[in-house]
Amino acid sequence: NCRGHGLCGKCVVEIEPLENVNPRTFFENLHKLEPHQKLGCRVKVYGDITVKAAIAD
């Protein structure tokens, strides 16, 4: 694991609404996440959100 630096991509979560979290990061773009997905270790929350663990295929 990457110790919260956004490198490994193992902490992907699905978040709604995206308006209450920080904008997409370089590492989220690097991992080619879906628009509603964020790296749990790098997300900053600014309001109420719903979080689900993303299931790896």
PDB file of N, CA and C in Angstrom:
ATOM      1  N   ASN A   1       0.839  -1.180   0.000  1.00  0.00           N
ATOM      2  CA  ASN A   1       0.000   0.000   0.000  1.00  0.00           C
ATOM      3  C   ASN A   1       0.880   1.239   0.000  1.00  0.00           C
ATOM      4  N   CYS A   2       0.295   2.346  -0.342  1.00  0.00           N
ATOM      5  CA  CYS A   2       1.073   3.584  -0.552  1.00  0.00           C
ATOM      6  C   CYS A   2       1.073   4.513   0.657  1.00  0.00           C
ATOM      7  N   ARG A   3       0.504   4.096   1.765  1.00  0.00           N
ATOM      8  CA  ARG A   3       0.469   4.886   3.006  1.00  0.00           C
ATOM      9  C   ARG A   3      -0.239   6.235   2.834  1.00  0.00           C
ATOM     10  N   GLY A   4      -1.300   6.224   2.028  1.00  0.00           N
ATOM     11  CA  GLY A   4      -2.114   7.426   1.885  1.00  0.00           C
ATOM     12  C   GLY A   4      -1.619   8.460   0.900  1.00  0.00           C
ATOM     13  N   HIS A   5      -0.710   8.070   0.019  1.00  0.00           N
ATOM     14  CA  HIS A   5      -0.171   9.025  -0.951  1.00  0.00           C
ATOM     15  C   HIS A   5      -0.878   8.978  -2.305  1.00  0.00           C
ATOM     16  N   GLY A   6      -1.870   8.090  -2.479  1.00  0.00           N
ATOM     17  CA  GLY A   6      -2.638   8.040  -3.714  1.00  0.00           C
ATOM     18  C   GLY A   6      -1.984   7.264  -4.835  1.00  0.00           C
ATOM     19  N   LEU A   7      -0.963   6.495  -4.540  1.00  0.00           N
ATOM     20  CA  LEU A   7      -0.215   5.804  -5.590  1.00  0.00           C
ATOM     21  C   LEU A   7      -0.762   4.427  -5.946  1.00  0.00           C
ATOM     22  N   CYS A   8      -1.264   3.674  -4.971  1.00  0.00           N
ATOM     23  CA  CYS A   8      -1.624   2.278  -5.232  1.00  0.00           C
ATOM     24  C   CYS A   8      -3.026   2.104  -5.809  1.00  0.00           C
ATOM     25  N   GLY A   9      -3.956   2.983  -5.498  1.00  0.00           N
ATOM     26  CA  GLY A   9      -5.311   2.886  -6.027  1.00  0.00           C
ATOM     27  C   GLY A   9      -6.171   1.829  -5.361  1.00  0.00           C
ATOM     28  N   LYS A  10      -5.784   1.326  -4.203  1.00  0.00           N
ATOM     29  CA  LYS A  10      -6.542   0.265  -3.539  1.00  0.00           C
ATOM     30  C   LYS A  10      -7.677   0.776  -2.660  1.00  0.00           C
ATOM     31  N   CYS A  11      -7.796   2.070  -2.490  1.00  0.00           N
ATOM     32  CA  CYS A  11      -8.819   2.631  -1.597  1.00  0.00           C
ATOM     33  C   CYS A  11      -9.918   3.350  -2.375  1.00  0.00           C
ATOM     34  N   VAL A  12     -10.223   2.877  -3.568  1.00  0.00           N
ATOM     35  CA  VAL A  12     -11.234   3.530  -4.403  1.00  0.00           C
ATOM     36  C   VAL A  12     -12.610   3.402  -3.747  1.00  0.00           C
ATOM     37  N   VAL A  13     -13.310   4.523  -3.655  1.00  0.00           N
ATOM     38  CA  VAL A  13     -14.666   4.558  -3.118  1.00  0.00           C
ATOM     39  C   VAL A  13     -15.565   5.323  -4.086  1.00  0.00           C
ATOM     40  N   GLU A  14     -16.859   5.038  -3.995  1.00  0.00           N
ATOM     41  CA  GLU A  14     -17.856   5.762  -4.781  1.00  0.00           C
ATOM     42  C   GLU A  14     -18.507   6.786  -3.861  1.00  0.00           C
ATOM     43  N   ILE A  15     -18.554   8.028  -4.314  1.00  0.00           N
ATOM     44  CA  ILE A  15     -19.028   9.130  -3.474  1.00  0.00           C
ATOM     45  C   ILE A  15     -20.144   9.892  -4.168  1.00  0.00           C
ATOM     46  N   GLU A  16     -21.173  10.237  -3.381  1.00  0.00           N
ATOM     47  CA  GLU A  16     -22.251  11.113  -3.841  1.00  0.00           C
ATOM     48  C   GLU A  16     -22.602  12.061  -2.712  1.00  0.00           C
ATOM     49  N   PRO A  17     -22.872  13.291  -2.926  1.00  0.00           N
ATOM     50  CA  PRO A  17     -22.663  14.057  -4.152  1.00  0.00           C
ATOM     51  C   PRO A  17     -21.215  14.555  -4.221  1.00  0.00           C
ATOM     52  N   LEU A  18     -20.707  14.648  -5.414  1.00  0.00           N
ATOM     53  CA  LEU A  18     -19.328  15.092  -5.618  1.00  0.00           C
ATOM     54  C   LEU A  18     -19.129  16.568  -5.304  1.00  0.00           C
ATOM     55  N   GLU A  19     -20.220  17.319  -5.220  1.00  0.00           N
ATOM     56  CA  GLU A  19     -20.115  18.742  -4.906  1.00  0.00           C
ATOM     57  C   GLU A  19     -19.551  18.980  -3.504  1.00  0.00           C
ATOM     58  N   ASN A  20     -19.623  17.963  -2.636  1.00  0.00           N
ATOM     59  CA  ASN A  20     -19.183  18.120  -1.250  1.00  0.00           C
ATOM     60  C   ASN A  20     -17.786  17.565  -0.980  1.00  0.00           C
ATOM     61  N   VAL A  21     -17.029  17.298  -2.038  1.00  0.00           N
ATOM     62  CA  VAL A  21     -15.649  16.825  -1.879  1.00  0.00           C
ATOM     63  C   VAL A  21     -14.718  17.639  -2.767  1.00  0.00           C
ATOM     64  N   ASN A  22     -13.419  17.475  -2.535  1.00  0.00           N
ATOM     65  CA  ASN A  22     -12.422  18.204  -3.317  1.00  0.00           C
ATOM     66  C   ASN A  22     -12.468  17.811  -4.796  1.00  0.00           C
ATOM     67  N   PRO A  23     -11.974  18.676  -5.680  1.00  0.00           N
ATOM     68  CA  PRO A  23     -11.922  18.346  -7.110  1.00  0.00           C
ATOM     69  C   PRO A  23     -11.032  17.134  -7.371  1.00  0.00           C
ATOM     70  N   ARG A  24     -11.194  16.569  -8.530  1.00  0.00           N
ATOM     71  CA  ARG A  24     -10.412  15.408  -8.955  1.00  0.00           C
ATOM     72  C   ARG A  24      -8.918  15.702  -8.837  1.00  0.00           C
ATOM     73  N   THR A  25      -8.165  14.722  -8.355  1.00  0.00           N
ATOM     74  CA  THR A  25      -6.728  14.900  -8.172  1.00  0.00           C
ATOM     75  C   THR A  25      -5.947  14.290  -9.329  1.00  0.00           C
ATOM     76  N   PHE A  26      -4.685  14.626  -9.399  1.00  0.00           N
ATOM     77  CA  PHE A  26      -3.787  14.052 -10.404  1.00  0.00           C
ATOM     78  C   PHE A  26      -3.813  12.529 -10.337  1.00  0.00           C
ATOM     79  N   PHE A  27      -3.767  11.959  -9.131  1.00  0.00           N
ATOM     80  CA  PHE A  27      -3.709  10.509  -8.988  1.00  0.00           C
ATOM     81  C   PHE A  27      -5.028   9.845  -9.362  1.00  0.00           C
ATOM     82  N   GLU A  28      -6.159  10.510  -9.133  1.00  0.00           N
ATOM     83  CA  GLU A  28      -7.444   9.954  -9.567  1.00  0.00           C
ATOM     84  C   GLU A  28      -7.504   9.906 -11.084  1.00  0.00           C
ATOM     85  N   ASN A  29      -6.963  10.903 -11.737  1.00  0.00           N
ATOM     86  CA  ASN A  29      -6.883  10.873 -13.200  1.00  0.00           C
ATOM     87  C   ASN A  29      -5.908   9.801 -13.667  1.00  0.00           C
ATOM     88  N   LEU A  30      -4.799   9.649 -12.974  1.00  0.00           N
ATOM     89  CA  LEU A  30      -3.794   8.651 -13.325  1.00  0.00           C
ATOM     90  C   LEU A  30      -4.367   7.241 -13.261  1.00  0.00           C
ATOM     91  N   HIS A  31      -5.195   6.966 -12.252  1.00  0.00           N
ATOM     92  CA  HIS A  31      -5.807   5.643 -12.083  1.00  0.00           C
ATOM     93  C   HIS A  31      -7.038   5.459 -12.973  1.00  0.00           C
ATOM     94  N   LYS A  32      -7.413   6.486 -13.733  1.00  0.00           N
ATOM     95  CA  LYS A  32      -8.555   6.431 -14.663  1.00  0.00           C
ATOM     96  C   LYS A  32      -9.836   5.981 -13.964  1.00  0.00           C
ATOM     97  N   LEU A  33     -10.132   6.629 -12.853  1.00  0.00           N
ATOM     98  CA  LEU A  33     -11.336   6.301 -12.098  1.00  0.00           C
ATOM     99  C   LEU A  33     -12.573   6.824 -12.813  1.00  0.00           C
ATOM    100  N   GLU A  34     -13.702   6.192 -12.523  1.00  0.00           N
ATOM    101  CA  GLU A  34     -14.985   6.663 -13.034  1.00  0.00           C
ATOM    102  C   GLU A  34     -15.268   8.032 -12.408  1.00  0.00           C
ATOM    103  N   PRO A  35     -16.125   8.833 -13.045  1.00  0.00           N
ATOM    104  CA  PRO A  35     -16.386  10.191 -12.539  1.00  0.00           C
ATOM    105  C   PRO A  35     -16.871  10.249 -11.087  1.00  0.00           C
ATOM    106  N   HIS A  36     -17.611   9.243 -10.630  1.00  0.00           N
ATOM    107  CA  HIS A  36     -18.160   9.244  -9.268  1.00  0.00           C
ATOM    108  C   HIS A  36     -17.225   8.571  -8.253  1.00  0.00           C
ATOM    109  N   GLN A  37     -16.033   8.183  -8.683  1.00  0.00           N
ATOM    110  CA  GLN A  37     -15.089   7.515  -7.796  1.00  0.00           C
ATOM    111  C   GLN A  37     -13.970   8.452  -7.347  1.00  0.00           C
ATOM    112  N   LYS A  38     -13.483   8.223  -6.140  1.00  0.00           N
ATOM    113  CA  LYS A  38     -12.371   8.991  -5.572  1.00  0.00           C
ATOM    114  C   LYS A  38     -11.447   8.020  -4.845  1.00  0.00           C
ATOM    115  N   LEU A  39     -10.226   8.454  -4.602  1.00  0.00           N
ATOM    116  CA  LEU A  39      -9.318   7.696  -3.744  1.00  0.00           C
ATOM    117  C   LEU A  39      -9.626   8.087  -2.300  1.00  0.00           C
ATOM    118  N   GLY A  40     -10.043   7.119  -1.502  1.00  0.00           N
ATOM    119  CA  GLY A  40     -10.427   7.396  -0.124  1.00  0.00           C
ATOM    120  C   GLY A  40      -9.329   8.071   0.683  1.00  0.00           C
ATOM    121  N   CYS A  41      -8.084   7.744   0.379  1.00  0.00           N
ATOM    122  CA  CYS A  41      -6.968   8.315   1.147  1.00  0.00           C
ATOM    123  C   CYS A  41      -6.699   9.771   0.805  1.00  0.00           C
ATOM    124  N   ARG A  42      -7.248  10.262  -0.285  1.00  0.00           N
ATOM    125  CA  ARG A  42      -6.948  11.625  -0.726  1.00  0.00           C
ATOM    126  C   ARG A  42      -8.164  12.545  -0.729  1.00  0.00           C
ATOM    127  N   VAL A  43      -9.339  12.030  -0.381  1.00  0.00           N
ATOM    128  CA  VAL A  43     -10.559  12.834  -0.454  1.00  0.00           C
ATOM    129  C   VAL A  43     -10.652  13.789   0.740  1.00  0.00           C
ATOM    130  N   LYS A  44     -11.110  14.996   0.447  1.00  0.00           N
ATOM    131  CA  LYS A  44     -11.393  15.992   1.481  1.00  0.00           C
ATOM    132  C   LYS A  44     -12.891  16.257   1.437  1.00  0.00           C
ATOM    133  N   VAL A  45     -13.547  16.131   2.564  1.00  0.00           N
ATOM    134  CA  VAL A  45     -15.002  16.237   2.645  1.00  0.00           C
ATOM    135  C   VAL A  45     -15.387  17.608   3.185  1.00  0.00           C
ATOM    136  N   TYR A  46     -16.328  18.263   2.477  1.00  0.00           N
ATOM    137  CA  TYR A  46     -16.775  19.602   2.851  1.00  0.00           C
ATOM    138  C   TYR A  46     -18.250  19.660   3.222  1.00  0.00           C
ATOM    139  N   GLY A  47     -18.919  18.510   3.264  1.00  0.00           N
ATOM    140  CA  GLY A  47     -20.335  18.459   3.592  1.00  0.00           C
ATOM    141  C   GLY A  47     -20.787  17.013   3.672  1.00  0.00           C
ATOM    142  N   ASP A  48     -22.087  16.801   3.748  1.00  0.00           N
ATOM    143  CA  ASP A  48     -22.630  15.449   3.839  1.00  0.00           C
ATOM    144  C   ASP A  48     -22.402  14.693   2.537  1.00  0.00           C
ATOM    145  N   ILE A  49     -21.956  13.440   2.647  1.00  0.00           N
ATOM    146  CA  ILE A  49     -21.759  12.571   1.487  1.00  0.00           C
ATOM    147  C   ILE A  49     -22.184  11.151   1.837  1.00  0.00           C
ATOM    148  N   THR A  50     -22.385  10.349   0.810  1.00  0.00           N
ATOM    149  CA  THR A  50     -22.592   8.916   0.944  1.00  0.00           C
ATOM    150  C   THR A  50     -21.395   8.240   0.305  1.00  0.00           C
ATOM    151  N   VAL A  51     -20.822   7.259   1.007  1.00  0.00           N
ATOM    152  CA  VAL A  51     -19.626   6.573   0.523  1.00  0.00           C
ATOM    153  C   VAL A  51     -19.907   5.088   0.431  1.00  0.00           C
ATOM    154  N   LYS A  52     -19.535   4.477  -0.698  1.00  0.00           N
ATOM    155  CA  LYS A  52     -19.614   3.029  -0.883  1.00  0.00           C
ATOM    156  C   LYS A  52     -18.250   2.539  -1.324  1.00  0.00           C
ATOM    157  N   ALA A  53     -17.869   1.367  -0.849  1.00  0.00           N
ATOM    158  CA  ALA A  53     -16.618   0.765  -1.307  1.00  0.00           C
ATOM    159  C   ALA A  53     -16.797   0.344  -2.760  1.00  0.00           C
ATOM    160  N   ALA A  54     -15.847   0.680  -3.601  1.00  0.00           N
ATOM    161  CA  ALA A  54     -15.893   0.258  -5.001  1.00  0.00           C
ATOM    162  C   ALA A  54     -15.427  -1.190  -5.064  1.00  0.00           C
ATOM    163  N   ILE A  55     -16.131  -2.001  -5.814  1.00  0.00           N
ATOM    164  CA  ILE A  55     -15.808  -3.424  -5.915  1.00  0.00           C
ATOM    165  C   ILE A  55     -14.909  -3.643  -7.118  1.00  0.00           C
ATOM    166  N   ALA A  56     -13.764  -4.261  -6.877  1.00  0.00           N
ATOM    167  CA  ALA A  56     -12.831  -4.553  -7.972  1.00  0.00           C
ATOM    168  C   ALA A  56     -13.383  -5.682  -8.825  1.00  0.00           C
ATOM    169  N   ASP A  57     -13.209  -5.561 -10.134  1.00  0.00           N
ATOM    170  CA  ASP A  57     -13.664  -6.616 -11.054  1.00  0.00           C
ATOM    171  C   ASP A  57     -12.680  -7.750 -11.107  1.00  0.00           C
TER     172      ASP A  57
END
